[in-house]
C-alpha atoms as a PDB file:
ATOM      1  CA  MET A   1      58.187  -2.247  35.872  1.00  0.00           C
ATOM      2  CA  THR A   2      59.100   0.492  33.431  1.00  0.00           C
ATOM      3  CA  ALA A   3      56.411   2.139  31.307  1.00  0.00           C
ATOM      4  CA  GLN A   4      56.144   0.015  28.157  1.00  0.00           C
ATOM      5  CA  VAL A   5      56.271   0.809  24.451  1.00  0.00           C
ATOM      6  CA  THR A   6      52.815   0.312  22.943  1.00  0.00           C
ATOM      7  CA  GLU A   7      51.794  -1.778  19.967  1.00  0.00           C
ATOM      8  CA  VAL A   8      50.830   0.145  16.789  1.00  0.00           C
ATOM      9  CA  LEU A   9      47.329  -0.017  15.299  1.00  0.00           C
ATOM     10  CA  HIS A  10      46.081   1.413  12.003  1.00  0.00           C
ATOM     11  CA  TYR A  11      42.365   2.025  12.413  1.00  0.00           C
ATOM     12  CA  LYS A  12      40.023   4.251  10.416  1.00  0.00           C
ATOM     13  CA  GLY A  13      42.909   6.010   8.709  1.00  0.00           C
ATOM     14  CA  GLU A  14      44.793   6.768  11.920  1.00  0.00           C
ATOM     15  CA  ARG A  15      47.991   5.407  13.413  1.00  0.00           C
ATOM     16  CA  LEU A  16      47.192   4.721  17.068  1.00  0.00           C
ATOM     17  CA  SER A  17      48.910   3.368  20.154  1.00  0.00           C
ATOM     18  CA  MET A  18      47.507   0.130  21.485  1.00  0.00           C
ATOM     19  CA  ARG A  19      47.907  -0.913  25.125  1.00  0.00           C
ATOM     20  CA  THR A  20      47.023  -4.521  24.400  1.00  0.00           C
ATOM     21  CA  GLU A  21      49.255  -7.350  23.157  1.00  0.00           C
ATOM     22  CA  PRO A  22      47.214  -9.816  21.050  1.00  0.00           C
ATOM     23  CA  LEU A  23      50.322 -11.660  19.860  1.00  0.00           C
ATOM     24  CA  SER A  24      51.160 -12.686  23.427  1.00  0.00           C
ATOM     25  CA  ASP A  25      47.823 -14.561  23.501  1.00  0.00           C
ATOM     26  CA  TYR A  26      48.871 -16.441  20.360  1.00  0.00           C
ATOM     27  CA  PHE A  27      52.220 -17.391  21.915  1.00  0.00           C
ATOM     28  CA  ALA A  28      50.477 -18.581  25.094  1.00  0.00           C
ATOM     29  CA  GLN A  29      47.847 -20.603  23.208  1.00  0.00           C
ATOM     30  CA  MET A  30      50.501 -22.265  21.042  1.00  0.00           C
ATOM     31  CA  GLY A  31      52.892 -22.855  23.954  1.00  0.00           C
ATOM     32  CA  LEU A  32      55.558 -20.774  22.213  1.00  0.00           C
ATOM     33  CA  SER A  33      58.290 -18.711  23.782  1.00  0.00           C
ATOM     34  CA  PRO A  34      60.107 -17.072  20.859  1.00  0.00           C
ATOM     35  CA  ASP A  35      63.781 -16.345  21.341  1.00  0.00           C
ATOM     36  CA  PHE A  36      63.670 -12.583  20.778  1.00  0.00           C
ATOM     37  CA  GLN A  37      66.469 -10.212  21.700  1.00  0.00           C
ATOM     38  CA  ARG A  38      65.669  -7.634  24.383  1.00  0.00           C
ATOM     39  CA  SER A  39      66.454  -4.122  23.215  1.00  0.00           C
ATOM     40  CA  SER A  40      65.129  -2.018  26.092  1.00  0.00           C
ATOM     41  CA  SER A  41      63.590  -2.190  29.555  1.00  0.00           C
ATOM     42  CA  ALA A  42      60.674  -0.283  27.975  1.00  0.00           C
ATOM     43  CA  CYS A  43      59.810  -3.391  25.934  1.00  0.00           C
ATOM     44  CA  TRP A  44      59.801  -6.467  28.154  1.00  0.00           C
ATOM     45  CA  ARG A  45      57.945  -8.499  25.503  1.00  0.00           C
ATOM     46  CA  CYS A  46      60.928  -7.908  23.137  1.00  0.00           C
ATOM     47  CA  TYR A  47      58.803  -6.937  20.118  1.00  0.00           C
ATOM     48  CA  VAL A  48      56.400  -4.297  18.875  1.00  0.00           C
ATOM     49  CA  GLY A  49      53.506  -5.605  16.836  1.00  0.00           C
ATOM     50  CA  LYS A  50      51.998  -3.608  14.005  1.00  0.00           C
ATOM     51  CA  TRP A  51      48.286  -4.178  13.535  1.00  0.00           C
ATOM     52  CA  GLU A  52      45.407  -2.998  11.397  1.00  0.00           C
ATOM     53  CA  ILE A  53      41.668  -3.323  11.480  1.00  0.00           C
ATOM     54  CA  LEU A  54      40.219  -3.788   8.043  1.00  0.00           C
ATOM     55  CA  LEU A  55      36.498  -4.480   7.554  1.00  0.00           C
ATOM     56  CA  ASP A  56      36.180  -5.112  11.302  1.00  0.00           C
ATOM     57  CA  ARG A  57      38.923  -7.767  11.266  1.00  0.00           C
ATOM     58  CA  LEU A  58      42.143  -7.554  13.267  1.00  0.00           C
ATOM     59  CA  TYR A  59      45.334  -8.335  11.347  1.00  0.00           C
ATOM     60  CA  LEU A  60      48.978  -8.520  12.356  1.00  0.00           C
ATOM     61  CA  VAL A  61      50.792  -6.697   9.548  1.00  0.00           C
ATOM     62  CA  GLY A  62      54.312  -6.404  10.903  1.00  0.00           C
ATOM     63  CA  LEU A  63      56.643  -7.007  13.772  1.00  0.00           C
ATOM     64  CA  ASN A  64      59.631  -5.054  14.974  1.00  0.00           C
ATOM     65  CA  ALA A  65      61.862  -7.623  16.672  1.00  0.00           C
ATOM     66  CA  THR A  66      65.163  -9.444  16.356  1.00  0.00           C
ATOM     67  CA  TYR A  67      65.952 -13.051  17.168  1.00  0.00           C
ATOM     68  CA  THR A  68      68.837 -13.570  19.618  1.00  0.00           C
ATOM     69  CA  ASP A  69      70.992 -14.749  16.684  1.00  0.00           C
ATOM     70  CA  GLY A  70      70.666 -11.237  15.196  1.00  0.00           C
ATOM     71  CA  THR A  71      68.258 -11.985  12.361  1.00  0.00           C
ATOM     72  CA  ASP A  72      65.128  -9.899  11.938  1.00  0.00           C
ATOM     73  CA  VAL A  73      61.784 -11.405  12.877  1.00  0.00           C
ATOM     74  CA  THR A  74      59.325 -11.405   9.974  1.00  0.00           C
ATOM     75  CA  LEU A  75      55.693 -12.384   9.662  1.00  0.00           C
ATOM     76  CA  GLU A  76      56.795 -15.319   7.515  1.00  0.00           C
ATOM     77  CA  SER A  77      59.244 -16.563  10.164  1.00  0.00           C
ATOM     78  CA  LEU A  78      56.431 -16.695  12.742  1.00  0.00           C
ATOM     79  CA  PHE A  79      53.602 -17.612  10.367  1.00  0.00           C
ATOM     80  CA  PRO A  80      55.029 -19.568   7.404  1.00  0.00           C
ATOM     81  CA  GLY A  81      53.202 -18.756   4.179  1.00  0.00           C
ATOM     82  CA  PHE A  82      52.060 -15.315   5.393  1.00  0.00           C
ATOM     83  CA  THR A  83      54.153 -12.390   4.193  1.00  0.00           C
ATOM     84  CA  ASP A  84      51.752  -9.418   4.286  1.00  0.00           C
ATOM     85  CA  ARG A  85      49.225  -9.970   7.066  1.00  0.00           C
ATOM     86  CA  VAL A  86      47.884 -12.569   9.456  1.00  0.00           C
ATOM     87  CA  PHE A  87      44.240 -12.604  10.559  1.00  0.00           C
ATOM     88  CA  ALA A  88      44.258 -12.644  14.379  1.00  0.00           C
ATOM     89  CA  HIS A  89      41.591 -15.356  14.721  1.00  0.00           C
ATOM     90  CA  TRP A  90      43.186 -16.452  18.009  1.00  0.00           C
ATOM     91  CA  TYR A  91      42.446 -13.182  19.768  1.00  0.00           C
ATOM     92  CA  THR A  92      39.359 -12.639  21.893  1.00  0.00           C
ATOM     93  CA  GLY A  93      39.538  -9.723  24.307  1.00  0.00           C
ATOM     94  CA  VAL A  94      39.465  -5.953  24.493  1.00  0.00           C
ATOM     95  CA  ILE A  95      41.937  -3.677  22.760  1.00  0.00           C
ATOM     96  CA  ASN A  96      42.664  -0.502  24.744  1.00  0.00           C
ATOM     97  CA  ILE A  97      43.564   2.591  22.711  1.00  0.00           C
ATOM     98  CA  PRO A  98      44.512   5.707  24.691  1.00  0.00           C
ATOM     99  CA  GLN A  99      43.367   8.981  23.133  1.00  0.00           C
ATOM    100  CA  GLY A 100      43.956  12.665  23.762  1.00  0.00           C
ATOM    101  CA  GLU A 101      46.549  14.140  26.071  1.00  0.00           C
ATOM    102  CA  MET A 102      48.242  12.188  28.824  1.00  0.00           C
ATOM    103  CA  THR A 103      46.773  13.421  32.103  1.00  0.00           C
ATOM    104  CA  GLU A 104      48.966  11.396  34.455  1.00  0.00           C
ATOM    105  CA  TYR A 105      52.263   9.618  33.796  1.00  0.00           C
ATOM    106  CA  ILE A 106      52.677   6.383  35.720  1.00  0.00           C
ATOM    107  CA  HIS A 107      56.045   4.676  35.383  1.00  0.00           C
ATOM    108  CA  MET A 108      54.629   1.162  35.177  1.00  0.00           C
ATOM    109  CA  GLY A 109      53.424  -0.935  32.240  1.00  0.00           C
ATOM    110  CA  TYR A 110      50.515   0.790  30.498  1.00  0.00           C
ATOM    111  CA  ALA A 111      49.205   2.527  33.620  1.00  0.00           C
ATOM    112  CA  SER A 112      49.529   6.153  32.459  1.00  0.00           C
ATOM    113  CA  ARG A 113      46.181   7.926  32.142  1.00  0.00           C
ATOM    114  CA  TYR A 114      44.813   9.770  29.115  1.00  0.00           C
ATOM    115  CA  GLU A 115      41.810  12.000  28.422  1.00  0.00           C
ATOM    116  CA  ARG A 116      39.950   9.140  26.747  1.00  0.00           C
ATOM    117  CA  ASP A 117      40.207   5.404  26.182  1.00  0.00           C
ATOM    118  CA  LEU A 118      38.726   3.673  23.161  1.00  0.00           C
ATOM    119  CA  PHE A 119      37.955   0.005  23.765  1.00  0.00           C
ATOM    120  CA  LEU A 120      37.451  -2.411  20.881  1.00  0.00           C
ATOM    121  CA  ALA A 121      35.833  -5.698  21.880  1.00  0.00           C
ATOM    122  CA  ILE A 122      37.221  -8.479  19.699  1.00  0.00           C
ATOM    123  CA  GLU A 123      35.868 -12.018  19.315  1.00  0.00           C
ATOM    124  CA  ASN A 124      37.992 -14.465  17.343  1.00  0.00           C
ATOM    125  CA  GLY A 125      39.669 -11.556  15.560  1.00  0.00           C
ATOM    126  CA  ILE A 126      36.475  -9.660  14.697  1.00  0.00           C
ATOM    127  CA  VAL A 127      35.449  -6.297  16.181  1.00  0.00           C
ATOM    128  CA  VAL A 128      32.045  -6.806  17.805  1.00  0.00           C
ATOM    129  CA  ASN A 129      31.688  -3.596  19.829  1.00  0.00           C
ATOM    130  CA  THR A 130      33.341  -0.266  20.542  1.00  0.00           C
ATOM    131  CA  GLN A 131      33.205   1.846  23.663  1.00  0.00           C
ATOM    132  CA  LEU A 132      34.650   5.305  24.311  1.00  0.00           C
ATOM    133  CA  ARG A 133      35.379   6.297  27.895  1.00  0.00           C
ATOM    134  CA  ASP A 134      35.880   9.976  28.651  1.00  0.00           C
ATOM    135  CA  ASN A 135      38.274   9.995  31.590  1.00  0.00           C
ATOM    136  CA  THR A 136      37.824  13.740  32.149  1.00  0.00           C
ATOM    137  CA  GLN A 137      34.086  13.416  32.766  1.00  0.00           C
ATOM    138  CA  GLN A 138      33.890   9.732  33.744  1.00  0.00           C
ATOM    139  CA  ASN A 139      31.153   9.584  31.124  1.00  0.00           C
ATOM    140  CA  THR A 140      30.892   6.504  28.873  1.00  0.00           C
ATOM    141  CA  LYS A 141      29.504   6.404  25.342  1.00  0.00           C
ATOM    142  CA  GLN A 142      28.779   3.077  23.678  1.00  0.00           C
ATOM    143  CA  GLY A 143      28.155   2.045  20.132  1.00  0.00           C
ATOM    144  CA  GLY A 144      28.588  -0.732  17.651  1.00  0.00           C
ATOM    145  CA  SER A 145      31.532  -1.147  15.328  1.00  0.00           C
ATOM    146  CA  ASP A 146      31.346   1.133  12.319  1.00  0.00           C
ATOM    147  CA  GLU A 147      34.480   0.402  10.293  1.00  0.00           C
END
């Protein structure tokens, strides 16, 4: 598999790459298989989600995708009645955010290695813990969420 384009996350004033796909959990839970147009082998899921964490809550705030009929995918087309943001209450898991310089490129999924990884533990859309792993020292620092 080709290295994949990451999701985008706005967190604490920064625009970050996110190697986690919370929207795919929503599609799986709802039994949905949206008819999105594939644009590149670097994006097998056929979309790039745009996310933000605001007051320790994870929101989907945009989507870069096209339906196979050529129309743009919008938040409203996936979540009727929601035009600006959707609270990701369906998502429980860990968001992986690579940080620092890439130390090893691996041409597969999200396997490339970086100096650090920030992990955000999410329960029902709410950040419950953060963990920073220093991949250069193999030293782990833990702490609570401090949005």
